[in-house]
Amino acid sequence: SDVCSSDLFSWWLESLRLDVQVSNAEQVFGLLQAQVSHRWAGLDRPLMQLAHQAFTACGDTPALLDVLCDLDRLCEAMSLTRGWREASRRLGFTQLRMHADLGVACAQRYLETVRGGHAPGHLPVVQGALWAAYRLPAGSCDAMAAGGLCTSIIGAALRMGMIGHVDGQRLLTRMRPVIAGVLSQPPPAREDMSSGTPALDIAAMRHEARSARLFAN
């Protein structure tokens, strides 16, 4: 269900295709590598892990909300483009609402916090807290988030006709050692977090100004 919430997003493939930067399976693979190794690994992963650690340490308490709000504001500040920020907020909000409907108490409380304008509700922060609430270990959260990101990007490439279904399965297989390599290293500390995907940031900015778009981003 969490992966399906990404269906409206192209992860900048639409903009890159229009600029003739990505148009085939090999180029989609390069995009997947960049997203996982140079953005998710350096920013989303450590934020998710810090949120997971916060729930593990604090439980579903007011102290947890304080930590999540702090991490959320950090994610907002480190997301360069408006498109990144809006995508992360929308996906995080969708997950919060879904799990609140399923009766997860911390999801309901943080959803109220986000709706009240006290936190943006970014996806990696929400993922870390929710999956910790389900008692999922940190390593499983890493694998789920990285795999879900790749599946979402490949799904967008399929819908745009850039690759076929067999290509999609091959790309997922090729990404396994890339993800394993990232997960073999500990996530960066809070003070060392970074995102190094300038080409994707530019694609996001260009996408914001286009008058005709199939995807929200």
Protein backbone atom coordinates (compact mmCIF):
# COMPACT_ATOMS: atom_id res chain seq x y z
CA SER A 1 0.00 0.00 0.00
CA ASP A 2 2.81 2.42 0.82
CA VAL A 3 4.34 1.98 -2.63
CA CYS A 4 1.00 2.55 -4.37
CA SER A 5 0.81 6.03 -2.86
CA SER A 6 3.59 7.02 -5.30
CA ASP A 7 1.53 6.40 -8.43
CA LEU A 8 1.04 10.10 -9.25
CA PHE A 9 4.75 10.87 -9.26
CA SER A 10 7.28 10.40 -12.05
CA TRP A 11 10.35 11.03 -9.85
CA TRP A 12 11.44 13.54 -12.56
CA LEU A 13 11.41 10.97 -15.36
CA GLU A 14 8.79 12.98 -17.23
CA SER A 15 10.94 16.11 -17.25
CA LEU A 16 14.10 14.16 -18.13
CA ARG A 17 12.31 12.44 -20.99
CA LEU A 18 11.04 15.75 -22.40
CA ASP A 19 14.60 17.10 -22.23
CA VAL A 20 15.84 13.95 -24.01
CA GLN A 21 18.02 13.01 -21.05
CA VAL A 22 16.43 9.64 -20.21
CA SER A 23 14.67 7.51 -22.81
CA ASN A 24 15.71 3.86 -22.44
CA ALA A 25 16.29 1.12 -19.88
CA GLU A 26 20.01 1.83 -19.43
CA GLN A 27 19.36 5.50 -18.72
CA VAL A 28 16.55 4.60 -16.31
CA PHE A 29 19.07 2.39 -14.51
CA GLY A 30 21.39 5.38 -14.17
CA LEU A 31 18.53 7.38 -12.66
CA LEU A 32 17.77 4.57 -10.20
CA GLN A 33 21.40 4.46 -9.12
CA ALA A 34 21.49 8.22 -8.60
CA GLN A 35 18.27 8.25 -6.61
CA VAL A 36 19.31 5.43 -4.30
CA SER A 37 23.03 6.13 -3.91
CA HIS A 38 23.16 9.93 -3.99
CA ARG A 39 19.84 11.08 -2.56
CA TRP A 40 18.06 8.34 -0.62
CA ALA A 41 21.24 6.98 1.02
CA GLY A 42 22.45 10.40 2.16
CA LEU A 43 19.19 12.08 3.17
CA ASP A 44 16.05 9.97 3.24
CA ARG A 45 17.67 6.92 4.82
CA PRO A 46 19.25 8.70 7.81
CA LEU A 47 16.06 10.71 8.42
CA MET A 48 14.02 7.51 8.38
CA GLN A 49 16.45 5.78 10.72
CA LEU A 50 16.45 8.71 13.17
CA ALA A 51 12.64 8.65 13.24
CA HIS A 52 12.74 4.87 13.79
CA GLN A 53 15.21 5.32 16.66
CA ALA A 54 13.02 8.03 18.17
CA PHE A 55 9.98 5.77 18.31
CA THR A 56 12.07 2.93 19.72
CA ALA A 57 13.45 5.21 22.45
CA CYS A 58 10.37 7.30 23.26
CA GLY A 59 7.43 5.14 22.29
CA ASP A 60 4.17 6.85 21.41
CA THR A 61 4.69 9.87 23.70
CA PRO A 62 4.72 13.67 23.35
CA ALA A 63 8.52 13.45 23.27
CA LEU A 64 8.26 11.45 20.05
CA LEU A 65 6.24 14.19 18.38
CA ASP A 66 8.89 16.76 19.30
CA VAL A 67 11.64 14.66 17.67
CA LEU A 68 9.57 13.95 14.56
CA CYS A 69 8.74 17.63 14.11
CA ASP A 70 12.43 18.49 14.40
CA LEU A 71 13.40 15.87 11.80
CA ASP A 72 10.58 17.02 9.55
CA ARG A 73 11.81 20.61 9.62
CA LEU A 74 15.32 19.40 8.83
CA CYS A 75 14.03 17.46 5.82
CA GLU A 76 12.16 20.56 4.64
CA ALA A 77 15.29 22.69 4.92
CA MET A 78 17.48 20.17 3.07
CA SER A 79 15.06 19.63 0.17
CA LEU A 80 16.27 22.15 -2.40
CA THR A 81 13.38 22.22 -4.86
CA ARG A 82 9.71 22.86 -4.32
CA GLY A 83 8.87 19.71 -6.27
CA TRP A 84 10.90 17.50 -3.90
CA ARG A 85 9.27 19.09 -0.88
CA GLU A 86 5.74 18.80 -2.19
CA ALA A 87 6.19 15.21 -3.32
CA SER A 88 7.62 14.15 0.02
CA ARG A 89 4.86 15.92 1.94
CA ARG A 90 2.07 14.44 -0.14
CA LEU A 91 3.42 10.91 0.07
CA GLY A 92 4.02 11.24 3.80
CA PHE A 93 0.52 12.60 4.37
CA THR A 94 -1.01 9.74 2.38
CA GLN A 95 0.79 7.17 4.50
CA LEU A 96 -0.17 8.91 7.74
CA ARG A 97 -3.82 9.04 6.74
CA MET A 98 -3.84 5.41 5.63
CA HIS A 99 -2.28 4.08 8.83
CA ALA A 100 -4.41 6.37 10.99
CA ASP A 101 -7.45 4.77 9.34
CA LEU A 102 -5.96 1.39 10.25
CA GLY A 103 -5.91 2.42 13.90
CA VAL A 104 -2.22 3.17 14.46
CA ALA A 105 -2.25 5.64 17.34
CA CYS A 106 1.01 7.44 16.55
CA ALA A 107 -0.13 7.88 12.92
CA GLN A 108 -3.32 9.56 14.11
CA ARG A 109 -1.46 11.88 16.48
CA TYR A 110 1.15 12.89 13.94
CA LEU A 111 -1.51 13.32 11.27
CA GLU A 112 -3.22 15.84 13.56
CA THR A 113 0.14 17.57 14.04
CA VAL A 114 0.65 17.83 10.29
CA ARG A 115 -2.90 18.98 9.65
CA GLY A 116 -2.42 21.62 12.32
CA GLY A 117 0.54 23.04 10.40
CA HIS A 118 3.10 22.14 13.08
CA ALA A 119 5.11 19.81 10.81
CA PRO A 120 5.28 19.16 7.05
CA GLY A 121 4.97 15.36 7.31
CA HIS A 122 7.81 14.31 5.02
CA LEU A 123 7.88 10.75 3.73
CA PRO A 124 11.12 9.41 5.30
CA VAL A 125 10.20 10.73 8.74
CA VAL A 126 6.74 9.20 8.51
CA GLN A 127 8.13 5.89 7.26
CA GLY A 128 10.60 5.59 10.12
CA ALA A 129 8.03 6.29 12.83
CA LEU A 130 5.25 4.15 11.37
CA TRP A 131 7.38 1.13 10.63
CA ALA A 132 8.88 1.30 14.10
CA ALA A 133 5.33 1.34 15.47
CA TYR A 134 4.80 -1.95 13.65
CA ARG A 135 7.97 -3.25 15.34
CA LEU A 136 9.80 -3.67 12.05
CA PRO A 137 13.60 -3.78 12.50
CA ALA A 138 15.71 -0.97 11.08
CA GLY A 139 17.26 -3.18 8.40
CA SER A 140 13.86 -4.22 7.10
CA CYS A 141 12.81 -0.56 6.92
CA ASP A 142 15.88 0.22 4.81
CA ALA A 143 15.12 -2.61 2.40
CA MET A 144 11.44 -1.69 2.13
CA ALA A 145 12.12 1.99 1.49
CA ALA A 146 14.87 1.45 -1.09
CA GLY A 147 12.94 -1.29 -2.87
CA GLY A 148 9.75 0.73 -2.85
CA LEU A 149 11.53 3.75 -4.33
CA CYS A 150 12.92 1.65 -7.19
CA THR A 151 9.53 0.04 -7.84
CA SER A 152 7.87 3.47 -8.01
CA ILE A 153 10.42 4.85 -10.47
CA ILE A 154 10.21 1.78 -12.67
CA GLY A 155 6.41 1.99 -12.57
CA ALA A 156 6.59 5.58 -13.84
CA ALA A 157 8.96 4.55 -16.64
CA LEU A 158 6.53 1.80 -17.62
CA ARG A 159 3.56 4.17 -17.74
CA MET A 160 5.51 6.55 -19.98
CA GLY A 161 6.45 3.74 -22.37
CA MET A 162 10.19 4.17 -21.74
CA ILE A 163 10.68 0.50 -20.83
CA GLY A 164 8.73 -2.75 -21.01
CA HIS A 165 7.68 -5.05 -18.18
CA VAL A 166 10.61 -7.41 -18.74
CA ASP A 167 12.98 -4.42 -18.68
CA GLY A 168 11.41 -3.40 -15.38
CA GLN A 169 12.10 -6.78 -13.80
CA ARG A 170 15.66 -6.72 -15.10
CA LEU A 171 16.21 -3.27 -13.62
CA LEU A 172 14.94 -4.41 -10.23
CA THR A 173 17.35 -7.34 -10.37
CA ARG A 174 20.25 -5.06 -11.35
CA MET A 175 19.46 -2.71 -8.47
CA ARG A 176 19.73 -5.44 -5.82
CA PRO A 177 23.54 -5.28 -5.50
CA VAL A 178 23.41 -1.47 -5.61
CA ILE A 179 20.95 -1.42 -2.71
CA ALA A 180 22.92 -4.12 -0.87
CA GLY A 181 26.08 -2.02 -1.22
CA VAL A 182 24.35 1.03 0.23
CA LEU A 183 22.86 -0.96 3.10
CA SER A 184 26.18 -2.57 3.93
CA GLN A 185 27.30 0.81 5.25
CA PRO A 186 25.73 2.60 8.24
CA PRO A 187 23.60 5.65 7.40
CA PRO A 188 25.40 8.99 7.75
CA ALA A 189 25.06 10.84 11.03
CA ARG A 190 22.66 13.75 11.23
CA GLU A 191 25.44 16.31 10.77
CA ASP A 192 26.75 14.47 7.70
CA MET A 193 23.48 14.16 5.77
CA SER A 194 23.56 15.32 2.15
CA SER A 195 21.85 15.04 -1.22
CA GLY A 196 24.02 15.06 -4.34
CA THR A 197 21.70 14.89 -7.34
CA PRO A 198 22.01 18.26 -9.14
CA ALA A 199 20.71 16.94 -12.47
CA LEU A 200 17.56 15.66 -10.78
CA ASP A 201 17.13 18.96 -8.91
CA ILE A 202 17.32 20.83 -12.23
CA ALA A 203 14.81 18.42 -13.79
CA ALA A 204 12.47 19.04 -10.84
CA MET A 205 12.73 22.81 -11.31
CA ARG A 206 12.09 22.54 -15.04
CA HIS A 207 9.09 20.30 -14.43
CA GLU A 208 7.47 22.91 -12.17
CA ALA A 209 7.34 25.40 -15.05
CA ARG A 210 5.91 23.09 -17.73
CA SER A 211 2.35 23.83 -18.78
CA ALA A 212 1.40 20.25 -19.74
CA ARG A 213 2.24 17.41 -17.37
CA LEU A 214 1.05 13.84 -16.96
CA PHE A 215 2.48 13.51 -13.45
CA ALA A 216 2.37 15.70 -10.34
CA ASN A 217 6.19 15.78 -10.45
